[in-house]
N, C-alpha and C. Protein backbone atom coordinates (compact mmCIF):
# COMPACT_ATOMS: atom_id res chain seq x y z
N MET A 1 13.31 -16.73 0.28
CA MET A 1 13.18 -15.85 0.69
C MET A 1 14.93 -14.95 1.64
N ASN A 2 15.75 -14.04 1.16
CA ASN A 2 16.66 -14.03 1.46
C ASN A 2 16.37 -12.68 1.92
N TYR A 3 17.40 -11.70 3.05
CA TYR A 3 17.44 -10.19 3.31
C TYR A 3 18.00 -9.45 3.49
N THR A 4 18.57 -8.47 2.57
CA THR A 4 19.63 -7.78 3.36
C THR A 4 18.91 -6.43 3.88
N TYR A 5 18.93 -6.22 5.59
CA TYR A 5 18.46 -4.65 5.69
C TYR A 5 19.44 -4.02 6.76
N ILE A 6 19.21 -2.68 7.20
CA ILE A 6 19.43 -1.70 7.81
C ILE A 6 18.55 -1.14 9.05
N LEU A 7 19.18 -1.35 10.08
CA LEU A 7 18.09 -0.75 11.41
C LEU A 7 18.55 0.73 11.81
N ARG A 8 18.17 1.18 12.14
CA ARG A 8 18.29 2.85 12.70
C ARG A 8 18.17 2.33 14.14
N CYS A 9 19.57 2.20 15.19
CA CYS A 9 19.10 2.17 16.27
C CYS A 9 19.23 3.41 17.21
N GLY A 10 19.02 3.21 18.31
CA GLY A 10 18.46 3.75 19.71
C GLY A 10 19.34 5.52 19.27
N ASP A 11 20.93 5.24 19.41
CA ASP A 11 21.85 6.02 19.60
C ASP A 11 21.90 6.54 18.41
N GLY A 12 20.95 6.48 16.99
CA GLY A 12 21.29 7.17 15.85
C GLY A 12 21.78 6.89 14.84
N SER A 13 22.56 5.40 15.15
CA SER A 13 23.69 4.65 13.79
C SER A 13 22.46 3.37 13.31
N LEU A 14 23.68 3.76 12.29
CA LEU A 14 22.76 2.11 11.37
C LEU A 14 23.24 1.03 11.60
N TYR A 15 23.13 0.00 11.72
CA TYR A 15 23.46 -1.30 11.25
C TYR A 15 22.72 -2.34 9.99
N THR A 16 24.05 -2.93 9.55
CA THR A 16 23.41 -3.94 8.69
C THR A 16 23.51 -5.24 8.21
N GLY A 17 22.86 -5.70 7.77
CA GLY A 17 22.52 -7.66 8.24
C GLY A 17 21.97 -7.99 7.48
N TRP A 18 22.37 -9.81 7.53
CA TRP A 18 21.08 -10.46 6.64
C TRP A 18 20.15 -11.34 7.09
N THR A 19 19.04 -12.01 6.59
CA THR A 19 18.44 -12.79 7.31
C THR A 19 17.52 -13.65 6.09
N ASN A 20 17.51 -14.91 6.78
CA ASN A 20 15.77 -15.38 5.56
C ASN A 20 15.16 -15.44 6.57
N ASP A 21 14.90 -14.68 7.47
CA ASP A 21 13.46 -14.66 8.31
C ASP A 21 13.15 -13.01 8.96
N LEU A 22 12.84 -12.44 7.35
CA LEU A 22 13.38 -10.52 7.99
C LEU A 22 12.81 -10.70 9.76
N GLU A 23 11.41 -11.36 10.17
CA GLU A 23 10.40 -10.88 11.02
C GLU A 23 10.91 -11.59 12.34
N LYS A 24 11.72 -12.11 11.85
CA LYS A 24 12.23 -13.11 13.73
C LYS A 24 13.85 -11.88 13.59
N ARG A 25 13.97 -12.08 12.85
CA ARG A 25 15.33 -11.36 12.82
C ARG A 25 15.51 -9.32 13.95
N ILE A 26 14.59 -9.47 13.23
CA ILE A 26 13.81 -7.75 14.05
C ILE A 26 13.35 -8.10 15.08
N ARG A 27 12.84 -8.94 15.01
CA ARG A 27 12.61 -9.90 17.06
C ARG A 27 13.38 -9.75 17.94
N ALA A 28 14.51 -11.16 17.40
CA ALA A 28 15.69 -11.04 18.23
C ALA A 28 16.16 -9.14 17.94
N HIS A 29 16.75 -8.72 17.48
CA HIS A 29 17.18 -7.22 17.51
C HIS A 29 16.61 -6.67 19.06
N SER A 30 15.24 -6.35 18.17
CA SER A 30 15.02 -6.33 19.47
C SER A 30 15.06 -6.08 21.23
N GLU A 31 14.77 -7.55 20.71
CA GLU A 31 14.86 -8.19 22.69
C GLU A 31 16.34 -8.65 22.89
N GLY A 32 17.33 -8.04 22.33
CA GLY A 32 18.04 -7.38 22.40
C GLY A 32 19.80 -8.84 22.48
N ARG A 33 19.38 -9.95 21.87
CA ARG A 33 19.61 -11.36 21.25
C ARG A 33 20.14 -11.21 19.93
N GLY A 34 19.60 -9.99 18.53
CA GLY A 34 20.06 -9.99 17.61
C GLY A 34 21.46 -9.23 17.07
N GLY A 35 22.31 -9.38 18.45
CA GLY A 35 24.01 -9.12 17.72
C GLY A 35 24.54 -7.44 18.96
N LYS A 36 25.61 -7.99 18.85
CA LYS A 36 26.17 -8.28 19.92
C LYS A 36 26.42 -5.93 19.99
N TYR A 37 26.09 -5.25 18.41
CA TYR A 37 26.24 -3.81 19.08
C TYR A 37 24.59 -3.52 18.70
N THR A 38 23.95 -4.22 18.20
CA THR A 38 22.19 -3.48 18.32
C THR A 38 21.70 -3.97 20.02
N ARG A 39 22.24 -4.96 20.80
CA ARG A 39 21.90 -5.01 22.48
C ARG A 39 22.13 -4.21 22.81
N SER A 40 23.68 -3.11 22.05
CA SER A 40 23.06 -2.11 23.65
C SER A 40 23.26 -0.36 23.05
N ARG A 41 22.90 -1.01 22.04
CA ARG A 41 21.88 -0.19 21.18
C ARG A 41 20.65 0.50 21.37
N LEU A 42 19.76 -0.36 21.59
CA LEU A 42 18.37 -0.56 21.49
C LEU A 42 17.66 1.15 22.56
N PRO A 43 16.38 0.90 21.82
CA PRO A 43 15.57 0.54 20.88
C PRO A 43 15.76 0.79 18.83
N ILE A 44 15.82 -0.94 18.39
CA ILE A 44 15.88 -0.42 16.85
C ILE A 44 14.68 -0.16 16.27
N LYS A 45 14.95 -0.41 15.26
CA LYS A 45 13.88 0.39 13.51
C LYS A 45 14.27 -0.03 12.55
N LEU A 46 13.48 -1.38 11.38
CA LEU A 46 13.43 -1.07 10.24
C LEU A 46 13.89 0.10 9.65
N ALA A 47 14.64 0.12 9.43
CA ALA A 47 14.78 1.72 8.09
C ALA A 47 14.47 1.42 6.75
N TYR A 48 15.19 -0.11 6.42
CA TYR A 48 15.01 -0.40 4.92
C TYR A 48 15.45 -2.24 4.86
N TYR A 49 14.91 -2.84 4.16
CA TYR A 49 15.08 -4.19 4.28
C TYR A 49 15.33 -3.57 2.11
N GLU A 50 15.95 -4.96 1.26
CA GLU A 50 15.23 -5.76 -0.24
C GLU A 50 15.30 -7.46 -0.26
N GLU A 51 15.04 -7.81 -0.62
CA GLU A 51 15.19 -9.00 -0.84
C GLU A 51 15.66 -10.01 -1.98
N TYR A 52 15.93 -10.89 -1.80
CA TYR A 52 17.15 -11.71 -3.22
C TYR A 52 16.61 -13.31 -2.47
N GLU A 53 16.53 -13.78 -4.10
CA GLU A 53 16.49 -14.83 -4.06
C GLU A 53 17.00 -16.23 -3.22
N THR A 54 18.79 -15.63 -3.02
CA THR A 54 19.71 -16.81 -2.56
C THR A 54 20.42 -15.99 -1.72
N LYS A 55 20.80 -16.97 -0.62
CA LYS A 55 21.76 -15.97 0.33
C LYS A 55 23.23 -15.79 0.35
N GLU A 56 23.80 -16.22 -0.76
CA GLU A 56 24.90 -15.04 -1.22
C GLU A 56 24.33 -13.99 -2.09
N GLU A 57 23.22 -13.54 -2.75
CA GLU A 57 23.09 -12.51 -2.34
C GLU A 57 22.68 -11.34 -1.92
N ALA A 58 22.36 -11.45 -0.26
CA ALA A 58 21.93 -11.01 -0.08
C ALA A 58 22.88 -11.18 0.96
N MET A 59 24.23 -11.54 0.88
CA MET A 59 25.62 -11.37 1.66
C MET A 59 26.24 -10.13 0.79
N ARG A 60 26.27 -10.09 0.09
CA ARG A 60 27.11 -9.96 -1.41
C ARG A 60 26.86 -8.41 -1.21
N ARG A 61 25.08 -8.07 -0.94
CA ARG A 61 24.41 -7.03 -1.02
C ARG A 61 25.11 -5.97 0.48
N GLU A 62 25.15 -7.02 1.41
CA GLU A 62 25.02 -6.66 2.58
C GLU A 62 26.35 -6.01 3.01
N TRP A 63 27.19 -6.57 1.81
CA TRP A 63 29.31 -6.19 2.08
C TRP A 63 29.37 -5.25 1.29
N GLU A 64 28.44 -4.67 0.36
CA GLU A 64 28.40 -3.33 -0.35
C GLU A 64 27.77 -2.23 0.36
N ILE A 65 26.36 -2.62 1.12
CA ILE A 65 25.99 -1.67 2.26
C ILE A 65 26.88 -1.35 2.80
N LYS A 66 27.96 -1.87 3.36
CA LYS A 66 28.45 -1.54 4.67
C LYS A 66 29.86 -1.49 3.96
N GLN A 67 29.69 -0.85 2.31
CA GLN A 67 31.11 -0.27 1.89
C GLN A 67 30.30 1.32 2.26
N LEU A 68 29.38 1.48 2.01
CA LEU A 68 28.84 3.27 1.26
C LEU A 68 29.17 3.80 3.04
N THR A 69 29.28 5.19 2.65
CA THR A 69 29.20 6.18 4.08
C THR A 69 27.94 6.36 4.44
N ARG A 70 28.12 7.03 5.39
CA ARG A 70 26.91 6.87 6.14
C ARG A 70 26.07 7.49 5.71
N ALA A 71 26.06 9.19 4.64
CA ALA A 71 25.35 9.62 3.57
C ALA A 71 24.55 9.15 2.30
N GLN A 72 25.17 7.91 2.06
CA GLN A 72 25.06 7.30 1.04
C GLN A 72 23.91 6.02 1.65
N LYS A 73 23.84 5.52 2.96
CA LYS A 73 23.49 4.80 3.41
C LYS A 73 21.93 5.99 3.72
N GLU A 74 21.77 6.95 4.23
CA GLU A 74 20.65 7.43 4.57
C GLU A 74 20.04 7.66 3.31
N GLU A 75 20.98 8.48 2.49
CA GLU A 75 20.21 8.29 0.96
C GLU A 75 19.27 7.63 0.43
N LEU A 76 20.08 6.22 0.71
CA LEU A 76 19.19 4.45 -0.21
C LEU A 76 18.57 4.18 0.93
N ILE A 77 18.06 4.91 2.32
CA ILE A 77 16.96 4.86 3.42
C ILE A 77 15.95 5.60 2.79
N GLU A 78 16.00 6.81 2.25
CA GLU A 78 15.59 7.87 1.78
C GLU A 78 14.52 7.91 0.39
N ARG A 79 15.09 7.32 -0.45
CA ARG A 79 14.50 6.97 -2.00
C ARG A 79 13.67 5.64 -1.64
N ASN A 80 14.50 5.11 -0.87
CA ASN A 80 12.36 4.23 -0.44
C ASN A 80 11.32 4.75 -0.36
């Protein structure tokens, strides 16, 4: 399974990514190993995720979410 996810960072910002192991990726972000952006914005919290069969679908959805405004991302999170 592949996942597209949104994290809420310690500074209130939102981070969107994709992975094939959500639990491992969240743990890496939490430990400061997940990415340059989140490393300086700890702590992080998983705010939203979607599941996909293929890596390509998850990556496509990541791109789509990154094109949304912050308000649209917040709405997506709230609807779930």
